Protein backbone atom coordinates (compact mmCIF):
# COMPACT_ATOMS: atom_id res chain seq x y z
CA UNK A 1 -5.20 13.16 3.55
CA UNK A 2 -7.57 13.78 6.46
CA UNK A 3 -4.97 12.94 9.07
CA UNK A 4 -2.21 14.36 7.17
CA UNK A 5 -4.09 17.81 6.88
CA UNK A 6 -5.07 17.63 10.63
CA UNK A 7 -1.52 16.98 11.98
CA UNK A 8 0.16 19.49 9.79
CA UNK A 9 0.97 23.03 11.01
CA UNK A 10 0.66 25.82 8.28
CA UNK A 11 4.06 26.60 6.82
CA UNK A 12 5.51 23.48 7.41
CA UNK A 13 5.42 22.33 3.86
CA UNK A 14 7.67 24.59 1.34
CA UNK A 15 5.73 24.00 -1.75
CA UNK A 16 2.28 24.14 0.21
CA UNK A 17 2.71 26.81 2.71
CA UNK A 18 -1.23 27.01 3.28
CA UNK A 19 -1.51 23.24 3.74
CA UNK A 20 -2.53 22.13 7.33
CA UNK A 21 -4.82 22.94 10.32
CA UNK A 22 -2.80 24.65 12.88
CA UNK A 23 -4.23 22.42 15.60
CA UNK A 24 -1.32 23.55 18.30
CA UNK A 25 -2.49 26.89 17.88
CA UNK A 26 -6.04 26.45 17.41
CA UNK A 27 -6.14 24.68 20.92
CA UNK A 28 -4.48 27.17 23.36
CA UNK A 29 -6.81 26.07 26.28
CA UNK A 30 -8.24 22.82 25.60
CA UNK A 31 -10.05 22.54 28.91
CA UNK A 32 -12.27 25.28 27.70
CA UNK A 33 -15.65 23.80 26.21
CA UNK A 34 -16.22 26.87 24.23
CA UNK A 35 -12.74 26.89 22.72
CA UNK A 36 -13.10 23.29 21.95
CA UNK A 37 -16.09 23.81 20.07
CA UNK A 38 -14.67 26.81 18.19
CA UNK A 39 -11.79 24.46 17.40
CA UNK A 40 -14.22 21.78 15.94
CA UNK A 41 -15.97 24.26 13.78
CA UNK A 42 -12.54 25.55 12.46
CA UNK A 43 -11.24 22.25 11.83
CA UNK A 44 -14.52 21.07 9.80
CA UNK A 45 -14.14 24.01 7.54
CA UNK A 46 -10.47 23.57 7.28
CA UNK A 47 -10.46 19.99 6.47
CA UNK A 48 -13.39 20.66 3.86
CA UNK A 49 -11.33 23.25 1.99
CA UNK A 50 -8.06 21.04 2.34
CA UNK A 51 -9.64 17.84 1.27
CA UNK A 52 -12.48 18.73 -1.20
CA UNK A 53 -13.23 15.11 -2.43
CA UNK A 54 -14.28 13.94 1.14
CA UNK A 55 -17.42 14.73 2.87
CA UNK A 56 -16.84 16.09 6.40
CA UNK A 57 -19.84 15.36 8.31
CA UNK A 58 -18.66 16.22 12.04
CA UNK A 59 -15.61 17.24 14.00
CA UNK A 60 -15.63 16.77 17.83
CA UNK A 61 -12.66 17.83 20.15
CA UNK A 62 -12.70 16.19 23.63
CA UNK A 63 -10.32 16.23 26.64
CA UNK A 64 -10.27 14.02 29.74
CA UNK A 65 -9.59 15.45 33.18
CA UNK A 66 -6.65 13.18 34.04
CA UNK A 67 -5.02 14.16 30.60
CA UNK A 68 -4.85 17.82 30.31
CA UNK A 69 -2.23 18.06 27.61
CA UNK A 70 -4.23 15.24 25.33
CA UNK A 71 -6.95 16.13 22.81
CA UNK A 72 -9.30 13.60 21.41
CA UNK A 73 -10.47 14.51 17.89
CA UNK A 74 -13.31 12.54 16.46
CA UNK A 75 -13.97 13.10 12.52
CA UNK A 76 -16.94 11.66 10.88
CA UNK A 77 -16.27 11.76 7.02
CA UNK A 78 -16.79 9.87 3.89
CA UNK A 79 -13.92 9.42 1.49
CA UNK A 80 -16.25 9.84 -1.56
CA UNK A 81 -19.95 10.82 -2.08
CA UNK A 82 -21.07 7.13 -2.23
CA UNK A 83 -18.80 5.92 0.58
CA UNK A 84 -19.59 4.57 3.94
CA UNK A 85 -19.32 6.98 6.96
CA UNK A 86 -16.07 6.49 8.58
CA UNK A 87 -15.20 7.44 12.27
CA UNK A 88 -11.70 8.69 12.58
CA UNK A 89 -10.28 9.05 16.05
CA UNK A 90 -6.92 10.99 16.60
CA UNK A 91 -5.09 11.74 19.90
CA UNK A 92 -2.93 14.74 19.93
CA UNK A 93 -0.51 15.91 22.60
CA UNK A 94 -1.10 19.85 22.95
CA UNK A 95 2.30 21.49 23.70
CA UNK A 96 1.99 24.68 26.05
CA UNK A 97 4.85 27.20 26.39
CA UNK A 98 5.00 28.81 29.68
CA UNK A 99 6.28 32.20 29.61
């Protein structure tokens, strides 16, 4: 559910229009460290509300200089209160539309 919530944009699901994290719109300029920190805080809050049975410990958003359109998201969470802490690493390509 964590991956599903992270990779879904709001409005994609007809019966659940509020489901998703809108990562494409949150990270307009992933090269900016302040924007990545804001995106990580937003994603943590959003995941906590969308997947209430899991415990999100931390979310970190990184980019590497040679890959400007790829964002690396590291999520530390527990699937339940008594489960072990799990690291989830997700790579996402950010689409940029030039006007």
